[in-house]
Protein backbone atom coordinates (compact mmCIF):
# COMPACT_ATOMS: atom_id res chain seq x y z
CA UNK A 1 -21.91 3.99 4.35
CA UNK A 2 -20.25 4.59 7.69
CA UNK A 3 -17.06 6.59 7.43
CA UNK A 4 -15.26 9.19 9.57
CA UNK A 5 -16.69 12.71 9.38
CA UNK A 6 -13.20 14.05 8.65
CA UNK A 7 -13.27 12.33 5.27
CA UNK A 8 -15.48 15.15 3.96
CA UNK A 9 -12.49 17.53 4.00
CA UNK A 10 -10.25 15.23 1.93
CA UNK A 11 -9.97 14.79 -1.83
CA UNK A 12 -10.83 11.11 -1.38
CA UNK A 13 -14.38 12.04 -0.32
CA UNK A 14 -16.03 12.71 -3.73
CA UNK A 15 -15.09 9.39 -5.31
CA UNK A 16 -15.65 7.53 -2.04
CA UNK A 17 -19.25 8.71 -1.84
CA UNK A 18 -20.19 8.61 -5.53
CA UNK A 19 -18.38 5.64 -7.12
CA UNK A 20 -20.90 2.95 -8.05
CA UNK A 21 -20.36 -0.53 -6.67
CA UNK A 22 -19.20 -3.07 -9.26
CA UNK A 23 -22.23 -4.75 -10.80
CA UNK A 24 -22.11 -7.67 -13.21
CA UNK A 25 -18.32 -7.44 -13.42
CA UNK A 26 -15.45 -5.69 -11.68
CA UNK A 27 -13.42 -3.55 -14.10
CA UNK A 28 -10.10 -2.83 -12.38
CA UNK A 29 -8.94 -0.57 -15.20
CA UNK A 30 -11.34 2.14 -14.11
CA UNK A 31 -10.20 4.25 -11.18
CA UNK A 32 -13.68 4.53 -9.67
CA UNK A 33 -14.18 0.76 -9.81
CA UNK A 34 -10.99 0.12 -7.86
CA UNK A 35 -12.01 2.70 -5.28
CA UNK A 36 -15.47 1.18 -5.01
CA UNK A 37 -13.81 -2.21 -4.49
CA UNK A 38 -11.81 -0.78 -1.58
CA UNK A 39 -14.98 0.76 -0.15
CA UNK A 40 -16.81 -2.56 -0.28
CA UNK A 41 -13.93 -4.39 1.37
CA UNK A 42 -13.73 -1.76 4.11
CA UNK A 43 -17.49 -1.60 4.67
CA UNK A 44 -17.98 -5.35 4.66
CA UNK A 45 -15.21 -6.09 7.15
CA UNK A 46 -16.87 -4.00 9.86
CA UNK A 47 -19.78 -6.14 11.07
CA UNK A 48 -21.10 -5.04 14.46
CA UNK A 49 -18.75 -2.04 14.29
CA UNK A 50 -15.66 -4.16 14.89
CA UNK A 51 -13.46 -1.30 13.68
CA UNK A 52 -15.61 1.42 15.23
CA UNK A 53 -19.03 2.84 14.39
CA UNK A 54 -17.46 4.93 11.62
CA UNK A 55 -14.96 2.20 10.63
CA UNK A 56 -11.98 4.46 11.30
CA UNK A 57 -9.85 1.67 12.81
CA UNK A 58 -10.07 -0.48 9.67
CA UNK A 59 -6.50 -1.18 8.44
CA UNK A 60 -7.62 -1.26 4.79
CA UNK A 61 -7.85 2.55 4.72
CA UNK A 62 -4.17 2.74 3.82
CA UNK A 63 -4.80 1.08 0.45
CA UNK A 64 -7.57 3.53 -0.42
CA UNK A 65 -5.43 6.55 0.45
CA UNK A 66 -2.51 5.18 -1.60
CA UNK A 67 -4.78 4.67 -4.61
CA UNK A 68 -6.10 8.23 -4.33
CA UNK A 69 -2.50 9.54 -4.21
CA UNK A 70 -1.60 7.55 -7.34
CA UNK A 71 -4.63 8.98 -9.16
CA UNK A 72 -4.09 12.56 -7.98
CA UNK A 73 -0.43 12.59 -9.01
CA UNK A 74 -0.82 11.09 -12.48
CA UNK A 75 0.84 7.78 -11.67
CA UNK A 76 -1.97 5.62 -13.06
CA UNK A 77 -1.65 6.92 -16.61
CA UNK A 78 -1.31 10.14 -18.56
CA UNK A 79 -5.06 10.51 -19.08
CA UNK A 80 -6.43 8.91 -15.93
CA UNK A 81 -7.31 12.18 -14.23
CA UNK A 82 -9.39 13.16 -17.24
CA UNK A 83 -11.15 9.91 -18.18
CA UNK A 84 -10.65 7.68 -15.13
CA UNK A 85 -9.10 4.89 -17.22
CA UNK A 86 -6.02 3.23 -15.74
CA UNK A 87 -3.22 2.52 -18.23
CA UNK A 88 -2.47 -1.25 -18.20
CA UNK A 89 1.18 -0.33 -18.85
CA UNK A 90 1.47 1.98 -15.84
CA UNK A 91 3.97 0.46 -13.35
CA UNK A 92 2.11 2.07 -10.43
CA UNK A 93 -1.19 0.92 -11.89
CA UNK A 94 0.14 -2.64 -12.02
CA UNK A 95 1.40 -2.39 -8.44
CA UNK A 96 -1.98 -1.16 -7.28
CA UNK A 97 -3.72 -3.91 -9.27
CA UNK A 98 -1.80 -6.40 -7.14
CA UNK A 99 -3.09 -4.62 -4.02
CA UNK A 100 -6.68 -4.27 -5.20
CA UNK A 101 -7.66 -7.17 -7.44
CA UNK A 102 -5.73 -9.80 -5.45
CA UNK A 103 -7.34 -8.86 -2.11
CA UNK A 104 -10.70 -8.53 -3.90
CA UNK A 105 -10.45 -12.11 -5.16
CA UNK A 106 -9.57 -13.28 -1.66
CA UNK A 107 -12.43 -11.28 -0.19
CA UNK A 108 -14.82 -12.82 -2.75
CA UNK A 109 -13.61 -16.30 -1.83
CA UNK A 110 -14.23 -15.44 1.83
CA UNK A 111 -17.75 -14.18 1.11
CA UNK A 112 -16.86 -10.58 2.02
CA UNK A 113 -17.63 -9.08 -1.41
CA UNK A 114 -19.64 -10.33 -4.43
CA UNK A 115 -17.95 -13.01 -6.51
CA UNK A 116 -17.90 -11.04 -9.77
CA UNK A 117 -15.87 -11.73 -12.89
CA UNK A 118 -12.81 -9.49 -13.23
CA UNK A 119 -12.61 -7.64 -16.55
CA UNK A 120 -9.63 -8.26 -18.86
CA UNK A 121 -7.21 -5.39 -19.57
CA UNK A 122 -8.52 -3.24 -22.45
CA UNK A 123 -5.24 -3.51 -24.40
CA UNK A 124 -2.17 -5.72 -24.54
CA UNK A 125 0.26 -4.97 -21.76
CA UNK A 126 3.80 -5.66 -20.60
CA UNK A 127 2.27 -6.83 -17.30
CA UNK A 128 0.26 -10.01 -16.58
CA UNK A 129 -3.32 -9.58 -15.38
CA UNK A 130 -6.38 -11.74 -14.88
CA UNK A 131 -7.49 -12.76 -18.39
CA UNK A 132 -10.61 -14.83 -19.08
CA UNK A 133 -10.99 -15.27 -15.34
CA UNK A 134 -7.55 -16.87 -14.92
CA UNK A 135 -5.29 -15.45 -12.21
CA UNK A 136 -1.56 -15.35 -13.08
CA UNK A 137 0.24 -18.10 -11.19
CA UNK A 138 2.56 -15.68 -9.43
CA UNK A 139 -0.36 -14.22 -7.45
CA UNK A 140 -1.79 -17.48 -6.11
CA UNK A 141 0.20 -17.29 -2.86
CA UNK A 142 -0.85 -13.69 -2.36
CA UNK A 143 -4.53 -14.63 -2.63
CA UNK A 144 -3.96 -17.24 0.07
CA UNK A 145 -2.37 -14.64 2.37
CA UNK A 146 -5.22 -12.21 1.80
CA UNK A 147 -7.76 -14.97 2.56
CA UNK A 148 -5.95 -15.49 5.87
CA UNK A 149 -6.35 -11.77 6.58
CA UNK A 150 -10.08 -11.77 5.84
CA UNK A 151 -10.54 -14.91 7.93
CA UNK A 152 -8.80 -13.20 10.85
CA UNK A 153 -11.00 -10.09 10.75
CA UNK A 154 -14.16 -11.98 9.87
CA UNK A 155 -14.94 -13.25 13.36
CA UNK A 156 -17.05 -11.65 16.03
CA UNK A 157 -16.18 -9.24 18.80
CA UNK A 158 -13.45 -6.60 18.97
CA UNK A 159 -10.36 -6.97 16.79
CA UNK A 160 -6.86 -6.74 18.21
CA UNK A 161 -5.43 -4.24 15.71
CA UNK A 162 -1.85 -5.50 15.73
CA UNK A 163 -2.48 -9.11 14.59
CA UNK A 164 -4.80 -7.70 11.93
CA UNK A 165 -2.08 -5.31 10.75
CA UNK A 166 0.49 -8.10 10.77
CA UNK A 167 -1.71 -10.33 8.60
CA UNK A 168 -2.46 -7.44 6.24
CA UNK A 169 1.21 -6.54 5.82
CA UNK A 170 2.15 -10.17 5.18
CA UNK A 171 -0.35 -10.28 2.32
CA UNK A 172 0.70 -6.82 1.16
CA UNK A 173 4.36 -7.86 1.03
CA UNK A 174 3.57 -11.08 -0.85
CA UNK A 175 1.87 -8.98 -3.54
CA UNK A 176 4.71 -6.48 -3.81
CA UNK A 177 7.35 -9.19 -3.92
CA UNK A 178 5.68 -10.26 -7.16
CA UNK A 179 5.66 -6.67 -8.40
CA UNK A 180 9.35 -6.20 -7.64
CA UNK A 181 10.22 -9.37 -9.54
CA UNK A 182 8.20 -8.30 -12.57
CA UNK A 183 9.65 -4.77 -12.60
CA UNK A 184 13.13 -6.28 -12.76
CA UNK A 185 12.22 -8.14 -15.94
CA UNK A 186 10.19 -5.70 -18.07
CA UNK A 187 10.98 -2.55 -19.99
CA UNK A 188 9.14 0.25 -18.17
CA UNK A 189 9.75 2.98 -20.78
CA UNK A 190 8.45 5.61 -21.37
CA UNK A 191 7.99 6.02 -17.61
CA UNK A 192 10.97 7.99 -16.21
CA UNK A 193 13.73 5.82 -14.81
CA UNK A 194 13.79 7.91 -11.62
CA UNK A 195 10.08 7.35 -11.04
CA UNK A 196 10.36 3.60 -11.57
CA UNK A 197 13.31 3.62 -9.18
CA UNK A 198 11.12 5.35 -6.63
CA UNK A 199 8.51 2.61 -7.06
CA UNK A 200 11.14 -0.10 -6.57
CA UNK A 201 12.44 1.67 -3.49
CA UNK A 202 8.92 2.07 -2.12
CA UNK A 203 8.41 -1.69 -2.43
CA UNK A 204 11.55 -2.13 -0.33
CA UNK A 205 10.32 0.41 2.21
CA UNK A 206 7.25 -1.78 2.63
CA UNK A 207 9.59 -4.44 4.06
CA UNK A 208 10.29 -2.07 6.96
CA UNK A 209 6.63 -1.19 7.43
CA UNK A 210 5.68 -4.89 7.37
CA UNK A 211 8.21 -5.76 10.08
CA UNK A 212 6.81 -2.96 12.24
CA UNK A 213 3.12 -3.80 11.69
CA UNK A 214 2.80 -0.17 10.58
CA UNK A 215 -0.69 1.24 11.33
CA UNK A 216 -2.85 1.93 8.27
CA UNK A 217 -6.14 2.94 9.90
CA UNK A 218 -7.88 6.21 9.06
CA UNK A 219 -6.50 8.24 11.96
CA UNK A 220 -2.89 7.17 11.48
CA UNK A 221 -3.03 7.71 7.73
CA UNK A 222 -4.49 11.20 8.00
CA UNK A 223 -2.02 12.15 10.73
CA UNK A 224 1.14 10.69 9.20
CA UNK A 225 0.56 9.46 5.66
CA UNK A 226 -0.86 12.29 3.54
CA UNK A 227 2.13 14.63 3.14
CA UNK A 228 5.09 12.29 2.85
CA UNK A 229 4.98 11.33 -0.84
CA UNK A 230 5.69 13.37 -4.00
CA UNK A 231 2.74 15.12 -5.63
CA UNK A 232 4.23 14.83 -9.12
CA UNK A 233 5.93 12.16 -11.21
CA UNK A 234 9.71 12.23 -10.70
CA UNK A 235 11.52 12.70 -14.00
CA UNK A 236 14.74 14.46 -12.90
CA UNK A 237 16.74 15.09 -9.74
CA UNK A 238 15.50 18.67 -9.90
CA UNK A 239 11.98 17.32 -9.34
CA UNK A 240 13.24 15.78 -6.09
CA UNK A 241 14.98 18.98 -4.97
CA UNK A 242 11.79 20.98 -5.62
CA UNK A 243 9.69 18.88 -3.23
CA UNK A 244 8.64 20.19 0.21
CA UNK A 245 11.18 19.25 2.88
CA UNK A 246 9.19 16.40 4.46
CA UNK A 247 8.36 14.69 1.17
CA UNK A 248 11.86 15.34 -0.19
CA UNK A 249 13.49 13.61 2.77
CA UNK A 250 11.22 10.62 2.39
CA UNK A 251 11.82 10.38 -1.37
CA UNK A 252 15.60 10.57 -0.91
CA UNK A 253 15.43 7.69 1.57
CA UNK A 254 13.25 5.61 -0.74
CA UNK A 255 15.52 6.23 -3.73
CA UNK A 256 18.50 5.22 -1.60
CA UNK A 257 16.74 1.96 -0.77
CA UNK A 258 16.19 1.33 -4.48
CA UNK A 259 19.95 1.36 -5.13
CA UNK A 260 21.05 -0.49 -1.98
CA UNK A 261 22.69 -3.82 -2.88
CA UNK A 262 20.40 -6.75 -2.21
CA UNK A 263 22.73 -8.28 0.39
CA UNK A 264 22.87 -5.00 2.32
CA UNK A 265 19.10 -4.54 2.18
CA UNK A 266 18.56 -8.05 3.53
CA UNK A 267 21.09 -7.46 6.33
CA UNK A 268 19.58 -4.10 7.29
CA UNK A 269 16.11 -5.59 7.23
CA UNK A 270 17.22 -8.50 9.41
CA UNK A 271 18.51 -6.04 12.02
CA UNK A 272 15.33 -3.94 11.80
CA UNK A 273 13.15 -7.02 12.28
CA UNK A 274 15.14 -7.82 15.41
CA UNK A 275 14.55 -4.29 16.69
CA UNK A 276 10.82 -4.67 16.02
CA UNK A 277 10.39 -7.91 18.00
CA UNK A 278 8.42 -6.32 20.85
CA UNK A 279 5.18 -4.36 20.89
CA UNK A 280 6.97 -1.71 22.92
CA UNK A 281 9.36 -1.11 20.01
CA UNK A 282 6.58 -1.28 17.42
CA UNK A 283 4.66 1.37 19.34
CA UNK A 284 7.68 3.65 18.87
CA UNK A 285 8.02 2.93 15.16
CA UNK A 286 7.80 6.55 13.99
CA UNK A 287 10.80 7.93 15.91
CA UNK A 288 12.76 4.69 15.51
CA UNK A 289 12.29 4.65 11.73
CA UNK A 290 13.34 8.29 11.64
CA UNK A 291 16.50 7.38 13.56
CA UNK A 292 17.32 4.62 11.06
CA UNK A 293 16.87 6.69 7.91
CA UNK A 294 17.87 10.16 9.11
CA UNK A 295 20.41 9.91 11.96
CA UNK A 296 21.19 13.34 13.43
CA UNK A 297 21.93 14.85 16.85
CA UNK A 298 18.23 15.42 17.56
CA UNK A 299 17.42 11.71 17.45
CA UNK A 300 20.50 10.41 19.26
CA UNK A 301 18.30 9.12 22.11
CA UNK A 302 16.22 7.08 19.66
CA UNK A 303 19.37 5.61 18.16
CA UNK A 304 20.39 4.47 21.63
CA UNK A 305 16.94 2.89 22.00
CA UNK A 306 17.45 1.15 18.66
CA UNK A 307 20.66 -0.39 19.99
CA UNK A 308 18.91 -1.44 23.18
CA UNK A 309 16.10 -3.17 21.30
CA UNK A 310 18.63 -4.79 18.98
CA UNK A 311 20.76 -6.23 21.78
CA UNK A 312 17.87 -7.30 24.00
CA UNK A 313 17.92 -11.12 24.48
């Protein structure tokens, strides 16, 4: 396996280098199987080193890092860190299923990974999964979007990273739109209401990342994506106040998104998409996003740039 040398210093490394590839069937209710699925999709989309000899420019790294965070912080089930089994009733586990099994099925259809049967959930669940090989209808469109992504990166020669990111985020958003709709309809107890609110807000934050074609390669994730999320499940507001400053600020913003009225979220997102029309603006996404969610004297210049991008013909 070709991967960046820096991976050896991260907690993702042990499972990345030891998880056995799915054989005979893909069991998405085992943490190691989902991680092995990500590894196969990342490895098999780098023919002729299209994303670099060590595959560090592959935009699928973001999904693997997110899954490791969910495992490390207990969001996949109360016992997952001990036995590796993902609770079919975990809201985060369901969200990750949409971003692992759905792209896997698209990758299998594209010939990127083996076309293996997907195992049924081990118990009854409030969420809908592949059962007896049948994909829930609500995910059909997402599979189509992921197939478009794999078709885009499956050619020959160097890959322009921005179109690849744009296609990935489109598929990513289609999956999470399904998740958001389901979360609005099911009873998520006994998971804390604050934690489920954070998940809903995170799905809305993805709308901003999608519009910006947010980088998800190895280098960007390790530089900007490993210390911005909470390292424990959020049960009370005190849990939020106890977070390190950087993660706390991000969590507060995400929770605010979760409670923003739908009309206001759509309006804000419309304005943000207008700001993000040019590659110049997208290349400045970090300071511009900071200016949107945390306006303060120090980022006044970025807020002026936001206005300039917004008003540009």
